[in-house]
Amino acid sequence: MPYEEFLKDNLIKEEKPDFKQIAYQLKRSQKDLKTAEANMSIDLTWAFAIAYHAMMRSGKALIYSKGYLPTAKRSHKTIVELTKLILGNEYESIVARFSRMRRRRHDFIYESKNHITPHEAKSSIDTAKKLIEEIFILVKKENPEKDLF
């Protein structure tokens, strides 16, 4: 099982999927994207951080759909790593961008670096859209409660 190391290291825990909650998180990630877009003219760094957060929500929903939830220990990194594991090599470039965004967002939140260019902010939103769309499609296929989407 590919999740063994994550379980052993207490980075995730088993949790029966609640597809109503998963659907809510995915829909909320789409709203977060709209918020990120609206913030482009106000604060590029926050727009970037919000796009990243939308990716985190959808990544967490993806993991939850598989019957796991991240623990508090290294949760952001764990979500990125498991998103990569679940989606596979086909989405490697999108998940690599997700990982870079995680580090850049960390600099902003914990070191107050305002360092995002207009191109980076726009690119982060575009990347988030792609990732969220793919996760939405995948989770919808696996969801036994189709009417939630």
N, C-alpha and C. Protein backbone atom coordinates (compact mmCIF):
# COMPACT_ATOMS: atom_id res chain seq x y z
N MET A 1 0.85 -1.19 0.00
CA MET A 1 0.00 0.00 0.00
C MET A 1 0.89 1.24 0.00
N PRO A 2 0.63 2.19 -0.89
CA PRO A 2 1.50 3.36 -1.00
C PRO A 2 1.42 4.33 0.19
N TYR A 3 0.44 4.18 1.04
CA TYR A 3 0.26 5.11 2.15
C TYR A 3 0.96 4.66 3.44
N GLU A 4 1.56 3.48 3.39
CA GLU A 4 2.17 2.88 4.59
C GLU A 4 3.14 3.82 5.31
N GLU A 5 4.06 4.41 4.57
CA GLU A 5 5.07 5.28 5.19
C GLU A 5 4.42 6.50 5.85
N PHE A 6 3.42 7.05 5.21
CA PHE A 6 2.72 8.21 5.77
C PHE A 6 2.00 7.84 7.06
N LEU A 7 1.39 6.65 7.07
CA LEU A 7 0.71 6.17 8.29
C LEU A 7 1.73 5.90 9.40
N LYS A 8 2.81 5.22 9.04
CA LYS A 8 3.85 4.87 10.01
C LYS A 8 4.46 6.12 10.66
N ASP A 9 4.65 7.15 9.85
CA ASP A 9 5.24 8.40 10.34
C ASP A 9 4.21 9.34 10.98
N ASN A 10 2.97 8.85 11.11
CA ASN A 10 1.89 9.63 11.72
C ASN A 10 1.63 10.94 10.98
N LEU A 11 1.76 10.90 9.65
CA LEU A 11 1.49 12.08 8.84
C LEU A 11 0.05 12.09 8.35
N ILE A 12 -0.56 10.89 8.32
CA ILE A 12 -1.97 10.77 7.96
C ILE A 12 -2.63 9.78 8.91
N LYS A 13 -3.95 9.84 8.93
CA LYS A 13 -4.72 8.86 9.69
C LYS A 13 -5.84 8.35 8.80
N GLU A 14 -6.28 7.14 9.05
CA GLU A 14 -7.40 6.60 8.28
C GLU A 14 -8.69 7.28 8.74
N GLU A 15 -9.54 7.59 7.78
CA GLU A 15 -10.80 8.27 8.08
C GLU A 15 -11.79 7.91 6.98
N LYS A 16 -12.96 7.43 7.38
CA LYS A 16 -13.99 7.09 6.40
C LYS A 16 -14.39 8.36 5.65
N PRO A 17 -14.37 8.33 4.33
CA PRO A 17 -14.70 9.53 3.56
C PRO A 17 -16.13 10.02 3.81
N ASP A 18 -16.27 11.31 3.95
CA ASP A 18 -17.56 11.98 4.05
C ASP A 18 -17.69 12.81 2.78
N PHE A 19 -18.37 12.26 1.78
CA PHE A 19 -18.40 12.92 0.48
C PHE A 19 -19.16 14.24 0.49
N LYS A 20 -20.02 14.43 1.45
CA LYS A 20 -20.67 15.74 1.58
C LYS A 20 -19.62 16.79 1.95
N GLN A 21 -18.75 16.47 2.89
CA GLN A 21 -17.68 17.37 3.31
C GLN A 21 -16.65 17.54 2.18
N ILE A 22 -16.35 16.47 1.48
CA ILE A 22 -15.40 16.53 0.38
C ILE A 22 -15.94 17.46 -0.72
N ALA A 23 -17.22 17.30 -1.05
CA ALA A 23 -17.84 18.17 -2.06
C ALA A 23 -17.80 19.62 -1.61
N TYR A 24 -18.07 19.86 -0.33
CA TYR A 24 -18.02 21.23 0.20
C TYR A 24 -16.62 21.81 0.02
N GLN A 25 -15.59 21.05 0.36
CA GLN A 25 -14.21 21.54 0.25
C GLN A 25 -13.84 21.84 -1.19
N LEU A 26 -14.28 20.99 -2.11
CA LEU A 26 -13.99 21.23 -3.52
C LEU A 26 -14.71 22.48 -4.04
N LYS A 27 -15.95 22.64 -3.65
CA LYS A 27 -16.68 23.84 -4.06
C LYS A 27 -16.06 25.09 -3.43
N ARG A 28 -15.62 24.96 -2.19
CA ARG A 28 -14.97 26.09 -1.52
C ARG A 28 -13.65 26.44 -2.21
N SER A 29 -12.93 25.44 -2.69
CA SER A 29 -11.67 25.72 -3.39
C SER A 29 -11.94 26.53 -4.66
N GLN A 30 -13.06 26.28 -5.31
CA GLN A 30 -13.41 27.07 -6.49
C GLN A 30 -13.74 28.51 -6.11
N LYS A 31 -14.40 28.69 -4.98
CA LYS A 31 -14.68 30.04 -4.48
C LYS A 31 -13.37 30.75 -4.11
N ASP A 32 -12.44 30.01 -3.51
CA ASP A 32 -11.14 30.58 -3.18
C ASP A 32 -10.43 31.09 -4.43
N LEU A 33 -10.56 30.35 -5.53
CA LEU A 33 -9.95 30.79 -6.80
C LEU A 33 -10.52 32.12 -7.25
N LYS A 34 -11.82 32.28 -7.13
CA LYS A 34 -12.45 33.55 -7.50
C LYS A 34 -11.94 34.68 -6.61
N THR A 35 -11.75 34.36 -5.35
CA THR A 35 -11.21 35.35 -4.41
C THR A 35 -9.79 35.73 -4.79
N ALA A 36 -8.99 34.74 -5.16
CA ALA A 36 -7.62 35.01 -5.61
C ALA A 36 -7.62 35.92 -6.83
N GLU A 37 -8.48 35.62 -7.78
CA GLU A 37 -8.57 36.46 -8.99
C GLU A 37 -8.97 37.89 -8.64
N ALA A 38 -9.92 38.04 -7.74
CA ALA A 38 -10.38 39.37 -7.33
C ALA A 38 -9.28 40.15 -6.63
N ASN A 39 -8.36 39.45 -5.97
CA ASN A 39 -7.27 40.10 -5.24
C ASN A 39 -6.09 40.49 -6.12
N MET A 40 -6.10 40.11 -7.37
CA MET A 40 -4.98 40.43 -8.27
C MET A 40 -4.73 41.94 -8.33
N SER A 41 -5.77 42.73 -8.29
CA SER A 41 -5.59 44.18 -8.39
C SER A 41 -5.31 44.83 -7.03
N ILE A 42 -5.40 44.04 -5.97
CA ILE A 42 -5.22 44.59 -4.62
C ILE A 42 -3.87 44.19 -4.04
N ASP A 43 -3.56 42.89 -4.07
CA ASP A 43 -2.35 42.38 -3.43
C ASP A 43 -1.94 41.08 -4.12
N LEU A 44 -0.90 41.14 -4.91
CA LEU A 44 -0.45 39.97 -5.68
C LEU A 44 -0.02 38.82 -4.78
N THR A 45 0.62 39.13 -3.68
CA THR A 45 1.11 38.07 -2.80
C THR A 45 -0.05 37.35 -2.13
N TRP A 46 -1.07 38.09 -1.73
CA TRP A 46 -2.25 37.43 -1.16
C TRP A 46 -3.00 36.64 -2.23
N ALA A 47 -3.07 37.15 -3.43
CA ALA A 47 -3.71 36.40 -4.52
C ALA A 47 -3.01 35.06 -4.70
N PHE A 48 -1.69 35.09 -4.68
CA PHE A 48 -0.89 33.87 -4.78
C PHE A 48 -1.18 32.92 -3.62
N ALA A 49 -1.19 33.47 -2.40
CA ALA A 49 -1.43 32.65 -1.20
C ALA A 49 -2.83 32.03 -1.22
N ILE A 50 -3.80 32.77 -1.69
CA ILE A 50 -5.17 32.25 -1.76
C ILE A 50 -5.26 31.14 -2.81
N ALA A 51 -4.59 31.32 -3.94
CA ALA A 51 -4.57 30.27 -4.97
C ALA A 51 -3.93 29.00 -4.40
N TYR A 52 -2.85 29.17 -3.66
CA TYR A 52 -2.21 28.03 -3.01
C TYR A 52 -3.19 27.36 -2.03
N HIS A 53 -3.87 28.16 -1.25
CA HIS A 53 -4.81 27.62 -0.27
C HIS A 53 -5.93 26.84 -0.95
N ALA A 54 -6.38 27.32 -2.10
CA ALA A 54 -7.40 26.60 -2.87
C ALA A 54 -6.87 25.22 -3.28
N MET A 55 -5.60 25.16 -3.64
CA MET A 55 -4.97 23.88 -3.99
C MET A 55 -4.89 22.97 -2.78
N MET A 56 -4.59 23.55 -1.64
CA MET A 56 -4.54 22.76 -0.40
C MET A 56 -5.89 22.14 -0.09
N ARG A 57 -6.94 22.93 -0.21
CA ARG A 57 -8.29 22.41 0.05
C ARG A 57 -8.61 21.24 -0.88
N SER A 58 -8.33 21.41 -2.16
CA SER A 58 -8.67 20.35 -3.11
C SER A 58 -7.78 19.13 -2.90
N GLY A 59 -6.51 19.34 -2.58
CA GLY A 59 -5.61 18.22 -2.30
C GLY A 59 -6.07 17.44 -1.07
N LYS A 60 -6.48 18.16 -0.05
CA LYS A 60 -6.99 17.51 1.15
C LYS A 60 -8.27 16.73 0.85
N ALA A 61 -9.14 17.30 0.02
CA ALA A 61 -10.37 16.60 -0.37
C ALA A 61 -10.03 15.32 -1.14
N LEU A 62 -9.04 15.39 -2.01
CA LEU A 62 -8.60 14.21 -2.76
C LEU A 62 -8.13 13.11 -1.82
N ILE A 63 -7.31 13.47 -0.86
CA ILE A 63 -6.78 12.50 0.11
C ILE A 63 -7.93 11.91 0.94
N TYR A 64 -8.83 12.76 1.36
CA TYR A 64 -9.99 12.33 2.15
C TYR A 64 -10.84 11.34 1.34
N SER A 65 -10.97 11.57 0.05
CA SER A 65 -11.76 10.67 -0.79
C SER A 65 -11.15 9.27 -0.85
N LYS A 66 -9.87 9.18 -0.53
CA LYS A 66 -9.17 7.88 -0.51
C LYS A 66 -9.21 7.23 0.88
N GLY A 67 -9.82 7.91 1.85
CA GLY A 67 -9.96 7.34 3.18
C GLY A 67 -8.89 7.74 4.17
N TYR A 68 -8.27 8.90 3.94
CA TYR A 68 -7.21 9.38 4.83
C TYR A 68 -7.36 10.88 5.05
N LEU A 69 -6.84 11.33 6.17
CA LEU A 69 -6.73 12.77 6.44
C LEU A 69 -5.34 13.05 6.98
N PRO A 70 -4.75 14.18 6.59
CA PRO A 70 -3.44 14.53 7.14
C PRO A 70 -3.56 14.91 8.61
N THR A 71 -2.54 14.59 9.37
CA THR A 71 -2.46 15.03 10.76
C THR A 71 -1.84 16.43 10.78
N ALA A 72 -1.70 16.99 11.94
CA ALA A 72 -1.13 18.33 12.06
C ALA A 72 0.37 18.36 11.72
N LYS A 73 1.02 17.22 11.84
CA LYS A 73 2.46 17.12 11.59
C LYS A 73 2.75 17.26 10.10
N ARG A 74 3.41 18.33 9.70
CA ARG A 74 3.82 18.56 8.31
C ARG A 74 2.66 18.50 7.33
N SER A 75 1.51 19.02 7.72
CA SER A 75 0.30 18.82 6.92
C SER A 75 0.40 19.38 5.50
N HIS A 76 0.96 20.55 5.32
CA HIS A 76 1.04 21.12 3.99
C HIS A 76 1.92 20.27 3.07
N LYS A 77 3.07 19.91 3.56
CA LYS A 77 3.99 19.08 2.75
C LYS A 77 3.37 17.72 2.47
N THR A 78 2.70 17.15 3.45
CA THR A 78 2.05 15.86 3.28
C THR A 78 0.97 15.92 2.22
N ILE A 79 0.18 16.98 2.22
CA ILE A 79 -0.88 17.12 1.22
C ILE A 79 -0.28 17.20 -0.18
N VAL A 80 0.79 17.96 -0.34
CA VAL A 80 1.45 18.05 -1.65
C VAL A 80 1.98 16.68 -2.07
N GLU A 81 2.67 15.99 -1.17
CA GLU A 81 3.26 14.69 -1.50
C GLU A 81 2.20 13.65 -1.84
N LEU A 82 1.12 13.62 -1.08
CA LEU A 82 0.06 12.64 -1.35
C LEU A 82 -0.72 12.99 -2.62
N THR A 83 -0.88 14.27 -2.90
CA THR A 83 -1.52 14.67 -4.14
C THR A 83 -0.71 14.14 -5.32
N LYS A 84 0.60 14.26 -5.23
CA LYS A 84 1.48 13.73 -6.28
C LYS A 84 1.34 12.21 -6.39
N LEU A 85 1.34 11.54 -5.26
CA LEU A 85 1.24 10.08 -5.24
C LEU A 85 -0.08 9.60 -5.86
N ILE A 86 -1.17 10.26 -5.50
CA ILE A 86 -2.49 9.85 -5.99
C ILE A 86 -2.67 10.18 -7.47
N LEU A 87 -2.26 11.37 -7.88
CA LEU A 87 -2.47 11.77 -9.27
C LEU A 87 -1.49 11.10 -10.23
N GLY A 88 -0.30 10.80 -9.75
CA GLY A 88 0.67 10.11 -10.58
C GLY A 88 1.51 11.03 -11.45
N ASN A 89 2.36 10.42 -12.25
CA ASN A 89 3.34 11.15 -13.06
C ASN A 89 2.72 12.06 -14.11
N GLU A 90 1.53 11.77 -14.53
CA GLU A 90 0.87 12.59 -15.55
C GLU A 90 0.72 14.04 -15.09
N TYR A 91 0.62 14.24 -13.79
CA TYR A 91 0.41 15.58 -13.24
C TYR A 91 1.64 16.10 -12.51
N GLU A 92 2.79 15.53 -12.82
CA GLU A 92 4.02 15.88 -12.12
C GLU A 92 4.35 17.38 -12.19
N SER A 93 4.18 18.00 -13.35
CA SER A 93 4.54 19.42 -13.47
C SER A 93 3.60 20.30 -12.66
N ILE A 94 2.32 19.97 -12.63
CA ILE A 94 1.36 20.75 -11.84
C ILE A 94 1.66 20.60 -10.35
N VAL A 95 1.93 19.37 -9.92
CA VAL A 95 2.22 19.14 -8.50
C VAL A 95 3.57 19.75 -8.12
N ALA A 96 4.52 19.77 -9.04
CA ALA A 96 5.82 20.41 -8.76
C ALA A 96 5.60 21.91 -8.52
N ARG A 97 4.72 22.50 -9.29
CA ARG A 97 4.39 23.92 -9.10
C ARG A 97 3.69 24.13 -7.74
N PHE A 98 2.80 23.22 -7.41
CA PHE A 98 2.12 23.23 -6.11
C PHE A 98 3.15 23.22 -4.98
N SER A 99 4.16 22.39 -5.12
CA SER A 99 5.21 22.29 -4.10
C SER A 99 6.01 23.59 -4.00
N ARG A 100 6.34 24.19 -5.14
CA ARG A 100 7.07 25.47 -5.12
C ARG A 100 6.20 26.56 -4.49
N MET A 101 4.91 26.53 -4.80
CA MET A 101 4.01 27.52 -4.22
C MET A 101 3.96 27.37 -2.70
N ARG A 102 4.02 26.14 -2.22
CA ARG A 102 4.02 25.90 -0.78
C ARG A 102 5.20 26.63 -0.12
N ARG A 103 6.36 26.54 -0.72
CA ARG A 103 7.55 27.18 -0.15
C ARG A 103 7.46 28.71 -0.24
N ARG A 104 6.96 29.20 -1.37
CA ARG A 104 6.83 30.66 -1.54
C ARG A 104 5.79 31.24 -0.57
N ARG A 105 4.71 30.53 -0.38
CA ARG A 105 3.68 30.97 0.55
C ARG A 105 4.24 30.99 1.97
N HIS A 106 5.08 30.01 2.30
CA HIS A 106 5.72 29.96 3.61
C HIS A 106 6.55 31.23 3.85
N ASP A 107 7.30 31.64 2.83
CA ASP A 107 8.10 32.86 2.96
C ASP A 107 7.23 34.07 3.25
N PHE A 108 6.08 34.13 2.62
CA PHE A 108 5.17 35.26 2.84
C PHE A 108 4.54 35.22 4.22
N ILE A 109 4.03 34.07 4.61
CA ILE A 109 3.31 33.95 5.89
C ILE A 109 4.26 34.08 7.08
N TYR A 110 5.40 33.42 7.02
CA TYR A 110 6.28 33.37 8.20
C TYR A 110 7.45 34.34 8.17
N GLU A 111 7.78 34.88 6.99
CA GLU A 111 8.90 35.81 6.91
C GLU A 111 8.50 37.16 6.31
N SER A 112 7.20 37.33 6.08
CA SER A 112 6.63 38.59 5.57
C SER A 112 7.27 39.07 4.27
N LYS A 113 7.64 38.14 3.41
CA LYS A 113 8.22 38.52 2.12
C LYS A 113 7.10 38.77 1.12
N ASN A 114 7.05 40.00 0.60
CA ASN A 114 6.12 40.35 -0.47
C ASN A 114 6.92 40.31 -1.77
N HIS A 115 6.87 39.18 -2.42
CA HIS A 115 7.81 38.94 -3.50
C HIS A 115 7.19 38.34 -4.76
N ILE A 116 5.90 38.44 -4.92
CA ILE A 116 5.22 37.81 -6.04
C ILE A 116 4.99 38.82 -7.16
N THR A 117 5.39 38.45 -8.36
CA THR A 117 5.20 39.30 -9.53
C THR A 117 3.81 39.08 -10.11
N PRO A 118 3.35 40.00 -10.95
CA PRO A 118 2.04 39.78 -11.60
C PRO A 118 1.99 38.46 -12.38
N HIS A 119 3.07 38.14 -13.08
CA HIS A 119 3.11 36.87 -13.82
C HIS A 119 2.99 35.67 -12.88
N GLU A 120 3.71 35.69 -11.77
CA GLU A 120 3.64 34.58 -10.81
C GLU A 120 2.24 34.44 -10.22
N ALA A 121 1.62 35.55 -9.89
CA ALA A 121 0.27 35.51 -9.31
C ALA A 121 -0.71 34.90 -10.32
N LYS A 122 -0.66 35.36 -11.56
CA LYS A 122 -1.55 34.85 -12.60
C LYS A 122 -1.27 33.37 -12.85
N SER A 123 -0.01 33.01 -12.91
CA SER A 123 0.38 31.62 -13.14
C SER A 123 -0.08 30.71 -12.00
N SER A 124 -0.02 31.23 -10.78
CA SER A 124 -0.46 30.43 -9.63
C SER A 124 -1.95 30.15 -9.71
N ILE A 125 -2.72 31.12 -10.14
CA ILE A 125 -4.17 30.93 -10.28
C ILE A 125 -4.46 29.94 -11.41
N ASP A 126 -3.74 30.06 -12.51
CA ASP A 126 -3.93 29.12 -13.63
C ASP A 126 -3.58 27.69 -13.22
N THR A 127 -2.49 27.53 -12.48
CA THR A 127 -2.07 26.20 -12.00
C THR A 127 -3.11 25.65 -11.04
N ALA A 128 -3.59 26.49 -10.13
CA ALA A 128 -4.60 26.05 -9.17
C ALA A 128 -5.86 25.59 -9.90
N LYS A 129 -6.28 26.33 -10.91
CA LYS A 129 -7.46 25.94 -11.68
C LYS A 129 -7.30 24.55 -12.29
N LYS A 130 -6.14 24.31 -12.89
CA LYS A 130 -5.88 23.01 -13.52
C LYS A 130 -5.92 21.88 -12.49
N LEU A 131 -5.25 22.09 -11.38
CA LEU A 131 -5.21 21.05 -10.35
C LEU A 131 -6.60 20.79 -9.78
N ILE A 132 -7.32 21.84 -9.46
CA ILE A 132 -8.65 21.69 -8.87
C ILE A 132 -9.61 21.01 -9.85
N GLU A 133 -9.53 21.37 -11.12
CA GLU A 133 -10.38 20.72 -12.13
C GLU A 133 -10.12 19.22 -12.18
N GLU A 134 -8.85 18.84 -12.20
CA GLU A 134 -8.49 17.42 -12.28
C GLU A 134 -8.95 16.66 -11.03
N ILE A 135 -8.75 17.27 -9.87
CA ILE A 135 -9.17 16.62 -8.62
C ILE A 135 -10.70 16.51 -8.59
N PHE A 136 -11.37 17.56 -9.00
CA PHE A 136 -12.85 17.54 -9.02
C PHE A 136 -13.35 16.39 -9.89
N ILE A 137 -12.79 16.22 -11.08
CA ILE A 137 -13.18 15.14 -11.99
C ILE A 137 -12.92 13.78 -11.37
N LEU A 138 -11.73 13.60 -10.80
CA LEU A 138 -11.36 12.32 -10.21
C LEU A 138 -12.26 11.96 -9.03
N VAL A 139 -12.48 12.90 -8.12
CA VAL A 139 -13.30 12.64 -6.95
C VAL A 139 -14.75 12.39 -7.35
N LYS A 140 -15.23 13.15 -8.32
CA LYS A 140 -16.60 12.96 -8.78
C LYS A 140 -16.81 11.55 -9.33
N LYS A 141 -15.83 11.01 -10.05
CA LYS A 141 -15.92 9.65 -10.60
C LYS A 141 -16.03 8.61 -9.49
N GLU A 142 -15.29 8.83 -8.41
CA GLU A 142 -15.22 7.85 -7.33
C GLU A 142 -16.30 8.02 -6.28
N ASN A 143 -17.03 9.13 -6.34
CA ASN A 143 -17.99 9.47 -5.31
C ASN A 143 -19.28 8.63 -5.44
N PRO A 144 -19.64 7.93 -4.38
CA PRO A 144 -20.88 7.15 -4.44
C PRO A 144 -22.13 8.04 -4.34
N GLU A 145 -21.95 9.29 -3.95
CA GLU A 145 -23.08 10.23 -3.80
C GLU A 145 -23.01 11.26 -4.92
N LYS A 146 -23.26 10.84 -6.13
CA LYS A 146 -23.07 11.68 -7.34
C LYS A 146 -23.85 13.01 -7.28
N ASP A 147 -24.97 13.02 -6.60
CA ASP A 147 -25.79 14.24 -6.57
C ASP A 147 -25.18 15.38 -5.78
N LEU A 148 -24.07 15.15 -5.10
CA LEU A 148 -23.43 16.21 -4.33
C LEU A 148 -22.65 17.18 -5.23
N PHE A 149 -22.37 16.75 -6.44
CA PHE A 149 -21.53 17.58 -7.33
C PHE A 149 -22.35 18.22 -8.41
